[in-house]
Amino acid sequence: MLASQRLKNHLLLKKYKYKFVGLFFLIAHVCHGQFFYTYPKNANKWLETNSGNFIFLNDSTNVWTKYRSDKQLFIDKTHHFGLYLNFKNKSKLESIYNKSDLIGNGLVTHYKFKIPNIEIMNSMFFTYDSLEANRGFVRTIKNITMYTNQSFLKVYNQTENFKYSLKIGRDFYQIGHGINSALYASDYSRPFDQLSLSAEYGKIKGNFSVIELDSLYEHNRFVYFHSFDYKTDKFHLTIGESIISTGKRESVNIKYLNPFHFWSWENLGSTNKGLNAFLYTGLTWFPKPGLRLFGEVIIDDINFHTKDAFYLNRYGYLIGFQKTQFPFQSSNFWFEYSNVLNQVYQSFHPTHIYNHRGYPIGHYLGNDFINARIHYSQIFKEGNIKLFIDFSYLIDGNNGLETLFDNPWEDESGKMIEGYKPPSHPTSPNSKWTEIEIGYEIRVSPLTYITISSQYDQSSLINNSSDFRIGLRLWSYFKLLNL
């Protein structure tokens, strides 16, 4: 009897040996979910809009369902390891980009470990050209530049009415309702080192995160996010606040860890507390199947002190719509208009800027701009070919994130200048950009896509004529291990 029990224990230990070893060895390099650079988020939005419902049934006869399925990584085993190869020629377009443009030319590793209620993933970027690693340069060894792109652990669980998740590590952080961009927290910046908690009960969801940003001027920087969502089948409302806290000896502040402490109202418009606070709201509504309406507003500063000085308010907004199956069954058409004033995402202290490693945390164009975007796409050949047309008109002001915050409405003694007239928006002298990209995305083989396009841009800058070029993007994902 004893020998039989020992044999059972030996077989059980052998069965789980490699799973435990993998968890122990890779616990410091963690991440989860669909692979960011291949996941077809635009297909999900099309399917939601087409059904007029956030919860939609998978229709296997729909080409957008197949398009989404072809780009997804179906990982049903404990261990998965793959390699993502990315190549593109340099684009000069300012306001049109693809998700694969958010990482340089090179190789990205992707490891994922999954057991019930726990997910772990690690992703590292390698390239022969250090200029391709400007989103996360760490070091170069024998002409190979590398950095950890994503790395985190996620623990989650749910009951009949309640579910929660806790994430610690490096990952993208995105909250927004726009199709092309987000004012509050976008995935345009590199992944953030974060501690995030989300909880959902029925139609209500809460999100809380603390993120460590890169240091500036020897100041440590942290950004805190609180957001609450109300979501039905056809309507989604988000209300949120965020705050940047900086200092030479700054560390995580306990009072900002309280998800029920609405601290933005205490600090909005503050200039001397080492803080920069924001208020946000966004919504999405499906009035009928095939039509999505959405909008966002972010408020940086509210003028409580000075009469007849509306120009002291700092805000941005975004509105748009999406229409499916017009004029053809697989058509995807959307329009998005963004308008962000100068000095939004900034404050008197230069460390309060709303960016990470030089890339905006909010809208990818920064501030002091007006942008109108139009997109049309259509799928052919059972989801293997996608035609797309992108148009953008951008008015870019002269006082963007790269310029320091100033207060020209005050004199040297700090008093308001009588009769002060604020600059026009966007700030003059501004530049106007017209950009167009027309092309085809072609599925060459499973998880291998090539995009060929014609790109045109024209700007009002002096000595800058119109430019036409051919765009080329190629990416491929290789599954090397799945057990």
Protein backbone atom coordinates (compact mmCIF):
# COMPACT_ATOMS: atom_id res chain seq x y z
CA MET A 1 0.00 0.00 0.00
CA LEU A 2 2.82 2.42 0.93
CA ALA A 3 4.74 1.67 -2.28
CA SER A 4 1.59 2.25 -4.34
CA GLN A 5 1.00 5.66 -2.69
CA ARG A 6 4.63 6.68 -3.30
CA LEU A 7 4.23 5.81 -6.98
CA LYS A 8 1.07 7.95 -7.24
CA ASN A 9 2.83 10.88 -5.57
CA HIS A 10 5.81 10.53 -7.93
CA LEU A 11 3.58 10.54 -11.02
CA LEU A 12 1.63 13.55 -9.74
CA LEU A 13 4.83 15.50 -9.04
CA LYS A 14 6.18 14.65 -12.49
CA LYS A 15 2.94 15.84 -14.10
CA TYR A 16 3.17 19.33 -12.57
CA LYS A 17 6.96 19.63 -12.31
CA TYR A 18 7.50 21.79 -15.37
CA LYS A 19 4.53 24.03 -14.59
CA PHE A 20 5.93 24.86 -11.14
CA VAL A 21 9.45 25.37 -12.48
CA GLY A 22 8.14 27.68 -15.19
CA LEU A 23 6.19 29.75 -12.66
CA PHE A 24 9.18 30.04 -10.32
CA PHE A 25 11.67 30.93 -13.06
CA LEU A 26 9.53 33.53 -14.83
CA ILE A 27 7.73 35.20 -11.94
CA ALA A 28 9.83 38.38 -12.45
CA HIS A 29 8.82 38.75 -16.10
CA VAL A 30 5.07 38.76 -16.40
CA CYS A 31 2.17 39.86 -18.66
CA HIS A 32 -1.17 38.60 -19.96
CA GLY A 33 -3.94 38.70 -22.51
CA GLN A 34 -3.96 38.98 -26.27
CA PHE A 35 -0.71 40.09 -27.86
CA PHE A 36 -1.03 43.87 -28.20
CA TYR A 37 0.46 44.33 -31.68
CA THR A 38 -1.67 41.68 -33.40
CA TYR A 39 -4.97 41.92 -31.51
CA PRO A 40 -7.65 43.33 -33.88
CA LYS A 41 -9.32 45.87 -31.60
CA ASN A 42 -10.93 47.54 -34.64
CA ALA A 43 -12.73 44.28 -35.47
CA ASN A 44 -14.19 44.11 -31.96
CA LYS A 45 -15.54 47.65 -32.27
CA TRP A 46 -17.04 46.87 -35.69
CA LEU A 47 -18.83 43.79 -34.33
CA GLU A 48 -20.14 45.75 -31.33
CA THR A 49 -21.42 48.59 -33.51
CA ASN A 50 -22.90 46.28 -36.11
CA SER A 51 -24.93 44.44 -33.47
CA GLY A 52 -25.73 47.64 -31.56
CA ASN A 53 -24.71 45.88 -28.39
CA PHE A 54 -21.55 45.50 -26.28
CA ILE A 55 -22.41 41.82 -25.97
CA PHE A 56 -22.59 40.27 -29.42
CA LEU A 57 -22.84 36.73 -30.76
CA ASN A 58 -20.03 35.38 -32.91
CA ASP A 59 -21.40 34.95 -36.42
CA SER A 60 -19.05 32.59 -38.26
CA THR A 61 -20.44 33.78 -41.61
CA ASN A 62 -19.39 37.39 -40.97
CA VAL A 63 -16.05 38.33 -42.58
CA TRP A 64 -15.20 40.64 -39.66
CA THR A 65 -15.59 37.68 -37.29
CA LYS A 66 -13.13 35.71 -39.41
CA TYR A 67 -10.79 38.72 -39.65
CA ARG A 68 -10.73 38.96 -35.87
CA SER A 69 -10.27 35.23 -35.44
CA ASP A 70 -7.33 35.15 -37.90
CA LYS A 71 -5.42 37.77 -35.87
CA GLN A 72 -6.11 36.39 -32.41
CA LEU A 73 -3.70 34.16 -30.54
CA PHE A 74 -5.70 31.21 -29.24
CA ILE A 75 -3.71 29.98 -26.26
CA ASP A 76 -5.39 27.07 -24.47
CA LYS A 77 -2.31 25.53 -22.84
CA THR A 78 -0.39 26.38 -19.69
CA HIS A 79 2.77 27.56 -21.47
CA HIS A 80 3.01 29.57 -24.68
CA PHE A 81 6.06 31.09 -26.33
CA GLY A 82 6.20 32.96 -29.61
CA LEU A 83 8.21 35.50 -31.60
CA TYR A 84 6.83 38.61 -33.25
CA LEU A 85 8.79 40.05 -36.19
CA ASN A 86 8.06 43.65 -37.16
CA PHE A 87 9.33 45.66 -40.13
CA LYS A 88 8.18 48.94 -41.67
CA ASN A 89 9.66 51.76 -43.66
CA LYS A 90 9.71 55.20 -42.10
CA SER A 91 6.41 57.08 -42.31
CA LYS A 92 6.30 60.87 -42.30
CA LEU A 93 2.61 61.00 -41.45
CA GLU A 94 1.96 62.99 -38.26
CA SER A 95 -1.58 61.90 -37.37
CA ILE A 96 -2.14 58.52 -39.07
CA TYR A 97 -0.59 55.39 -37.60
CA ASN A 98 -1.18 51.64 -37.18
CA LYS A 99 -0.74 49.63 -34.02
CA SER A 100 2.42 47.96 -35.40
CA ASP A 101 3.93 51.46 -35.74
CA LEU A 102 4.04 51.71 -31.93
CA ILE A 103 7.17 49.56 -31.76
CA GLY A 104 10.34 49.69 -33.82
CA ASN A 105 11.73 47.30 -36.38
CA GLY A 106 12.96 44.23 -34.60
CA LEU A 107 11.96 41.09 -32.74
CA VAL A 108 9.59 40.79 -29.78
CA THR A 109 9.47 37.68 -27.60
CA HIS A 110 6.15 36.66 -26.06
CA TYR A 111 5.87 34.19 -23.19
CA LYS A 112 2.59 33.43 -21.42
CA PHE A 113 1.87 31.18 -18.46
CA LYS A 114 -1.73 30.52 -17.48
CA ILE A 115 -3.39 28.51 -14.75
CA PRO A 116 -6.85 29.07 -13.25
CA ASN A 117 -7.13 32.65 -11.92
CA ILE A 118 -3.47 33.52 -12.70
CA GLU A 119 -1.86 34.80 -15.88
CA ILE A 120 1.80 35.63 -16.40
CA MET A 121 3.44 37.04 -19.52
CA ASN A 122 6.77 38.48 -20.53
CA SER A 123 7.62 40.38 -23.72
CA MET A 124 11.08 41.68 -24.64
CA PHE A 125 12.15 43.76 -27.64
CA PHE A 126 15.40 43.23 -29.57
CA THR A 127 16.81 45.29 -32.43
CA TYR A 128 20.12 45.95 -34.24
CA ASP A 129 19.44 49.71 -34.41
CA SER A 130 19.23 51.59 -31.10
CA LEU A 131 17.14 54.30 -32.82
CA GLU A 132 14.37 51.73 -33.22
CA ALA A 133 14.18 51.37 -29.42
CA ASN A 134 13.34 54.98 -28.53
CA ARG A 135 10.22 53.90 -26.60
CA GLY A 136 12.25 51.93 -24.09
CA PHE A 137 16.00 51.95 -24.68
CA VAL A 138 17.88 50.21 -21.86
CA ARG A 139 21.22 48.90 -23.07
CA THR A 140 23.13 47.63 -26.10
CA ILE A 141 25.21 44.45 -26.03
CA LYS A 142 27.28 43.59 -29.11
CA ASN A 143 25.16 45.86 -31.35
CA ILE A 144 21.89 44.39 -30.03
CA THR A 145 19.62 46.83 -28.19
CA MET A 146 17.01 45.34 -25.86
CA TYR A 147 14.46 46.24 -23.22
CA THR A 148 11.53 44.62 -21.41
CA ASN A 149 8.40 45.80 -23.22
CA GLN A 150 5.71 44.11 -21.10
CA SER A 151 6.07 42.14 -17.90
CA PHE A 152 3.36 41.54 -15.32
CA LEU A 153 1.30 39.20 -13.19
CA LYS A 154 -2.49 39.22 -13.15
CA VAL A 155 -4.66 37.54 -10.54
CA TYR A 156 -8.41 37.42 -11.12
CA ASN A 157 -11.56 35.69 -9.96
CA GLN A 158 -15.32 36.01 -10.18
CA THR A 159 -18.55 34.87 -8.62
CA GLU A 160 -22.04 35.01 -10.06
CA ASN A 161 -22.35 38.81 -9.70
CA PHE A 162 -18.87 40.03 -8.75
CA LYS A 163 -15.48 39.82 -10.45
CA TYR A 164 -12.15 41.44 -9.81
CA SER A 165 -8.58 41.51 -11.09
CA LEU A 166 -5.24 42.67 -9.69
CA LYS A 167 -2.28 43.42 -11.92
CA ILE A 168 1.29 44.25 -10.96
CA GLY A 169 4.06 44.87 -13.46
CA ARG A 170 4.52 46.55 -16.84
CA ASP A 171 1.67 46.73 -19.32
CA PHE A 172 -0.35 49.11 -21.46
CA TYR A 173 -3.06 51.14 -19.70
CA GLN A 174 -5.98 52.41 -21.76
CA ILE A 175 -9.29 53.98 -20.78
CA GLY A 176 -11.30 55.80 -23.41
CA HIS A 177 -14.25 55.79 -25.79
CA GLY A 178 -12.64 57.04 -29.00
CA ILE A 179 -11.90 54.73 -31.91
CA ASN A 180 -8.67 56.41 -33.00
CA SER A 181 -7.52 58.10 -29.78
CA ALA A 182 -8.21 58.64 -26.07
CA LEU A 183 -7.95 61.81 -23.98
CA TYR A 184 -7.59 60.19 -20.55
CA ALA A 185 -5.29 57.18 -20.89
CA SER A 186 -4.20 55.91 -24.29
CA ASP A 187 -2.03 53.02 -25.43
CA TYR A 188 0.18 55.34 -27.51
CA SER A 189 2.87 55.57 -24.81
CA ARG A 190 5.07 52.62 -23.94
CA PRO A 191 3.71 50.21 -21.30
CA PHE A 192 3.62 51.50 -17.71
CA ASP A 193 5.03 50.04 -14.49
CA GLN A 194 1.85 49.84 -12.47
CA LEU A 195 -0.30 48.39 -9.74
CA SER A 196 -3.90 48.20 -10.99
CA LEU A 197 -7.09 46.93 -9.41
CA SER A 198 -10.48 46.59 -11.07
CA ALA A 199 -13.76 45.34 -9.62
CA GLU A 200 -17.10 44.84 -11.34
CA TYR A 201 -20.51 44.28 -9.83
CA GLY A 202 -23.45 44.11 -12.23
CA LYS A 203 -23.44 47.24 -14.39
CA ILE A 204 -20.92 49.10 -12.21
CA LYS A 205 -17.15 48.84 -12.57
CA GLY A 206 -14.32 50.59 -10.72
CA ASN A 207 -10.70 50.95 -11.79
CA PHE A 208 -7.77 52.14 -9.72
CA SER A 209 -4.10 52.37 -10.71
CA VAL A 210 -0.85 53.86 -9.52
CA ILE A 211 1.85 54.19 -12.18
CA GLU A 212 5.49 55.14 -11.88
CA LEU A 213 6.56 57.47 -14.70
CA ASP A 214 10.07 58.28 -15.88
CA SER A 215 11.93 60.84 -13.79
CA LEU A 216 12.41 64.42 -15.05
CA TYR A 217 14.82 67.04 -13.71
CA GLU A 218 15.78 64.65 -10.90
CA HIS A 219 12.13 64.48 -9.81
CA ASN A 220 10.34 61.18 -9.22
CA ARG A 221 6.91 61.13 -10.87
CA PHE A 222 3.76 59.11 -10.21
CA VAL A 223 0.33 59.23 -11.83
CA TYR A 224 -2.80 57.91 -10.10
CA PHE A 225 -6.04 56.95 -11.85
CA HIS A 226 -9.56 56.46 -10.48
CA SER A 227 -12.45 55.70 -12.82
CA PHE A 228 -16.01 54.42 -12.46
CA ASP A 229 -18.08 52.91 -15.26
CA TYR A 230 -21.78 52.36 -15.74
CA LYS A 231 -22.40 49.98 -18.63
CA THR A 232 -25.54 48.45 -20.13
CA ASP A 233 -25.92 46.56 -23.38
CA LYS A 234 -26.22 49.78 -25.39
CA PHE A 235 -24.78 52.55 -23.22
CA HIS A 236 -21.43 53.04 -21.49
CA LEU A 237 -20.48 56.00 -19.26
CA THR A 238 -17.08 56.57 -17.64
CA ILE A 239 -16.20 59.18 -15.02
CA GLY A 240 -12.59 59.44 -13.93
CA GLU A 241 -9.87 61.51 -12.37
CA SER A 242 -6.10 61.39 -12.48
CA ILE A 243 -3.30 63.26 -10.77
CA ILE A 244 0.45 63.57 -11.33
CA SER A 245 2.52 63.90 -8.16
CA THR A 246 6.22 64.74 -8.37
CA GLY A 247 9.16 65.59 -6.14
CA LYS A 248 12.86 64.92 -5.68
CA ARG A 249 12.08 62.48 -2.89
CA GLU A 250 8.56 61.63 -4.03
CA SER A 251 7.25 58.13 -3.35
CA VAL A 252 3.81 56.53 -3.50
CA ASN A 253 1.36 58.68 -1.52
CA ILE A 254 -1.07 56.66 0.60
CA LYS A 255 -3.95 59.16 0.35
CA TYR A 256 -4.00 58.80 -3.43
CA LEU A 257 -4.26 55.03 -3.05
CA ASN A 258 -7.74 55.48 -1.59
CA PRO A 259 -10.15 54.73 -4.49
CA PHE A 260 -13.00 56.55 -2.68
CA HIS A 261 -11.09 59.77 -2.05
CA PHE A 262 -11.97 62.22 -4.84
CA TRP A 263 -8.77 64.20 -4.68
CA SER A 264 -8.94 65.99 -8.05
CA TRP A 265 -11.43 68.57 -6.69
CA GLU A 266 -8.94 69.45 -3.97
CA ASN A 267 -6.08 69.92 -6.42
CA LEU A 268 -7.58 70.95 -9.77
CA GLY A 269 -5.80 74.08 -10.87
CA SER A 270 -3.24 73.89 -8.06
CA THR A 271 0.15 75.36 -8.93
CA ASN A 272 2.26 74.99 -5.83
CA LYS A 273 1.59 71.53 -4.42
CA GLY A 274 3.72 69.49 -6.81
CA LEU A 275 0.52 68.22 -8.41
CA ASN A 276 -1.40 68.32 -11.69
CA ALA A 277 -4.97 67.01 -11.58
CA PHE A 278 -7.47 66.08 -14.31
CA LEU A 279 -11.19 65.33 -14.53
CA TYR A 280 -12.57 63.09 -17.29
CA THR A 281 -15.86 61.79 -18.64
CA GLY A 282 -16.59 59.70 -21.71
CA LEU A 283 -19.56 57.86 -23.18
CA THR A 284 -20.57 55.47 -25.94
CA TRP A 285 -24.12 54.89 -27.16
CA PHE A 286 -25.66 52.60 -29.78
CA PRO A 287 -28.92 54.29 -30.87
CA LYS A 288 -29.52 51.43 -33.31
CA PRO A 289 -27.62 48.47 -34.78
CA GLY A 290 -24.88 49.68 -37.11
CA LEU A 291 -24.41 53.11 -35.49
CA ARG A 292 -22.07 54.11 -32.63
CA LEU A 293 -21.91 57.59 -31.10
CA PHE A 294 -19.08 58.49 -28.71
CA GLY A 295 -17.48 61.44 -26.97
CA GLU A 296 -14.96 62.44 -24.29
CA VAL A 297 -14.07 65.53 -22.25
CA ILE A 298 -10.96 66.12 -20.14
CA ILE A 299 -10.55 69.15 -17.84
CA ASP A 300 -7.09 70.19 -16.68
CA ASP A 301 -7.75 73.57 -15.07
CA ILE A 302 -10.93 75.38 -14.00
CA ASN A 303 -10.80 79.11 -13.32
CA PHE A 304 -12.39 79.71 -9.90
CA HIS A 305 -10.64 82.97 -9.10
CA THR A 306 -10.70 85.50 -11.95
CA LYS A 307 -13.80 87.05 -13.50
CA ASP A 308 -14.14 87.45 -17.27
CA ALA A 309 -11.19 85.13 -17.93
CA PHE A 310 -12.64 82.04 -19.53
CA TYR A 311 -9.34 81.56 -21.35
CA LEU A 312 -7.82 80.34 -18.06
CA ASN A 313 -9.88 77.13 -18.32
CA ARG A 314 -7.93 74.27 -19.86
CA TYR A 315 -9.83 71.39 -21.46
CA GLY A 316 -10.06 69.10 -24.45
CA TYR A 317 -12.88 67.17 -26.09
CA LEU A 318 -13.44 64.43 -28.65
CA ILE A 319 -16.60 63.45 -30.55
CA GLY A 320 -17.31 60.96 -33.31
CA PHE A 321 -19.44 58.24 -34.81
CA GLN A 322 -19.06 54.85 -36.51
CA LYS A 323 -21.31 53.37 -39.22
CA THR A 324 -21.14 49.77 -40.41
CA GLN A 325 -22.51 48.05 -43.53
CA PHE A 326 -22.61 51.25 -45.57
CA PRO A 327 -22.47 51.22 -48.51
CA PHE A 328 -21.42 47.54 -48.54
CA GLN A 329 -22.01 44.71 -46.10
CA SER A 330 -18.40 44.66 -44.81
CA SER A 331 -17.94 48.45 -44.84
CA ASN A 332 -16.49 50.23 -41.83
CA PHE A 333 -16.75 54.03 -41.69
CA TRP A 334 -15.93 56.29 -38.78
CA PHE A 335 -15.32 59.98 -38.11
CA GLU A 336 -13.52 61.45 -35.12
CA TYR A 337 -12.95 65.11 -34.20
CA SER A 338 -10.45 66.07 -31.46
CA ASN A 339 -9.81 69.51 -30.00
CA VAL A 340 -7.31 70.07 -27.16
CA LEU A 341 -6.29 73.54 -25.94
CA ASN A 342 -2.74 74.60 -25.31
CA GLN A 343 -1.38 73.96 -21.79
CA VAL A 344 -3.72 70.99 -21.27
CA TYR A 345 -1.62 68.11 -19.87
CA GLN A 346 0.84 70.69 -18.45
CA SER A 347 1.35 72.86 -15.36
CA PHE A 348 3.73 75.50 -14.05
CA HIS A 349 6.28 72.89 -13.01
CA PRO A 350 7.84 71.08 -16.02
CA THR A 351 7.69 67.71 -14.24
CA HIS A 352 3.88 67.83 -14.26
CA ILE A 353 3.70 67.11 -17.99
CA TYR A 354 1.29 64.29 -18.86
CA ASN A 355 3.73 62.04 -20.71
CA HIS A 356 6.01 59.03 -20.20
CA ARG A 357 9.46 58.70 -21.76
CA GLY A 358 8.56 61.58 -24.07
CA TYR A 359 5.28 60.10 -25.35
CA PRO A 360 1.81 61.47 -24.45
CA ILE A 361 -0.26 59.56 -21.90
CA GLY A 362 -3.50 61.12 -23.19
CA HIS A 363 -4.19 62.09 -26.80
CA TYR A 364 -1.32 60.98 -29.03
CA LEU A 365 -1.09 64.44 -30.65
CA GLY A 366 -0.48 66.12 -27.29
CA ASN A 367 -2.15 69.53 -26.98
CA ASP A 368 -2.75 72.80 -28.86
CA PHE A 369 -4.33 71.19 -31.93
CA ILE A 370 -7.53 70.51 -33.84
CA ASN A 371 -7.75 67.23 -35.75
CA ALA A 372 -10.44 65.68 -37.95
CA ARG A 373 -10.02 62.00 -38.89
CA ILE A 374 -12.01 59.97 -41.42
CA HIS A 375 -11.54 56.25 -41.94
CA TYR A 376 -13.09 53.79 -44.37
CA SER A 377 -12.25 50.11 -44.70
CA GLN A 378 -13.75 47.06 -46.34
CA ILE A 379 -12.88 43.37 -46.19
CA PHE A 380 -12.63 41.03 -49.18
CA LYS A 381 -11.69 37.41 -49.84
CA GLU A 382 -13.19 35.93 -46.66
CA GLY A 383 -11.25 38.30 -44.43
CA ASN A 384 -7.86 37.88 -46.11
CA ILE A 385 -7.69 41.34 -47.75
CA LYS A 386 -8.68 44.66 -46.23
CA LEU A 387 -8.88 47.89 -48.20
CA PHE A 388 -8.46 51.02 -46.09
CA ILE A 389 -8.60 54.77 -46.70
CA ASP A 390 -7.48 57.23 -44.01
CA PHE A 391 -7.80 61.00 -44.15
CA SER A 392 -6.59 63.49 -41.56
CA TYR A 393 -6.70 67.27 -41.35
CA LEU A 394 -4.57 68.66 -38.54
CA ILE A 395 -4.11 72.25 -37.34
CA ASP A 396 -1.06 72.10 -35.09
CA GLY A 397 -0.43 75.06 -32.78
CA ASN A 398 2.89 76.58 -31.81
CA ASN A 399 2.53 75.85 -28.08
CA GLY A 400 2.45 72.05 -27.80
CA LEU A 401 3.82 69.74 -25.13
CA GLU A 402 7.37 70.49 -26.23
CA THR A 403 7.02 74.12 -25.04
CA LEU A 404 7.18 75.09 -21.37
CA PHE A 405 4.10 76.31 -19.51
CA ASP A 406 3.96 80.10 -19.07
CA ASN A 407 1.48 82.73 -17.86
CA PRO A 408 1.49 85.68 -20.32
CA TRP A 409 -1.73 87.05 -18.75
CA GLU A 410 0.21 88.18 -15.65
CA ASP A 411 2.73 90.98 -15.23
CA GLU A 412 6.03 90.68 -13.37
CA SER A 413 4.31 91.20 -10.01
CA GLY A 414 1.83 88.37 -10.69
CA LYS A 415 -1.18 90.63 -11.27
CA MET A 416 -3.60 90.11 -14.17
CA ILE A 417 -2.86 92.29 -17.18
CA GLU A 418 -5.90 94.47 -17.83
CA GLY A 419 -7.35 93.97 -21.30
CA TYR A 420 -5.25 90.86 -21.96
CA LYS A 421 -6.31 89.02 -25.10
CA PRO A 422 -5.47 85.31 -25.25
CA PRO A 423 -3.89 83.85 -28.40
CA SER A 424 -6.04 82.18 -31.00
CA HIS A 425 -6.54 78.43 -30.90
CA PRO A 426 -4.49 76.63 -32.03
CA THR A 427 -1.74 79.05 -31.09
CA SER A 428 -0.27 81.09 -33.93
CA PRO A 429 1.81 80.64 -35.92
CA ASN A 430 0.23 77.23 -36.54
CA SER A 431 0.75 74.69 -39.30
CA LYS A 432 -1.92 72.87 -41.27
CA TRP A 433 -1.42 69.27 -42.34
CA THR A 434 -3.46 67.28 -44.85
CA GLU A 435 -2.61 63.57 -44.82
CA ILE A 436 -4.01 60.65 -46.79
CA GLU A 437 -3.13 56.96 -46.72
CA ILE A 438 -4.75 54.41 -49.06
CA GLY A 439 -3.70 50.79 -49.10
CA TYR A 440 -4.32 47.10 -48.68
CA GLU A 441 -3.63 44.84 -45.71
CA ILE A 442 -3.06 41.29 -46.99
CA ARG A 443 -3.01 38.06 -45.00
CA VAL A 444 -0.09 36.20 -46.57
CA SER A 445 -0.30 33.18 -44.26
CA PRO A 446 -1.59 32.48 -40.73
CA LEU A 447 -0.45 35.35 -38.48
CA THR A 448 1.60 36.94 -41.27
CA TYR A 449 0.38 40.23 -42.76
CA ILE A 450 1.80 42.72 -45.23
CA THR A 451 0.41 46.22 -45.75
CA ILE A 452 1.18 48.21 -48.89
CA SER A 453 -0.08 51.77 -49.10
CA SER A 454 0.36 55.11 -50.79
CA GLN A 455 0.96 57.98 -48.36
CA TYR A 456 0.49 61.65 -49.14
CA ASP A 457 0.98 64.68 -46.95
CA GLN A 458 0.96 68.42 -47.50
CA SER A 459 1.66 71.11 -44.91
CA SER A 460 1.63 74.88 -44.71
CA LEU A 461 5.16 75.04 -43.31
CA ILE A 462 7.58 77.27 -45.16
CA ASN A 463 9.64 75.44 -47.81
CA ASN A 464 7.57 72.31 -47.27
CA SER A 465 5.96 70.98 -50.43
CA SER A 466 3.63 68.01 -50.78
CA ASP A 467 5.17 64.58 -50.40
CA PHE A 468 4.15 61.20 -51.80
CA ARG A 469 5.67 57.86 -50.87
CA ILE A 470 4.95 54.13 -50.70
CA GLY A 471 4.34 52.69 -47.24
CA LEU A 472 5.29 49.15 -46.34
CA ARG A 473 4.50 47.26 -43.13
CA LEU A 474 5.19 43.59 -42.49
CA TRP A 475 4.65 41.59 -39.34
CA SER A 476 4.63 37.89 -38.58
CA TYR A 477 4.00 35.91 -35.41
CA PHE A 478 5.65 32.50 -34.95
CA LYS A 479 4.25 30.06 -32.39
CA LEU A 480 7.22 28.11 -31.04
CA LEU A 481 5.83 26.52 -27.89
CA ASN A 482 2.32 25.64 -26.73
CA LEU A 483 2.09 22.99 -23.99
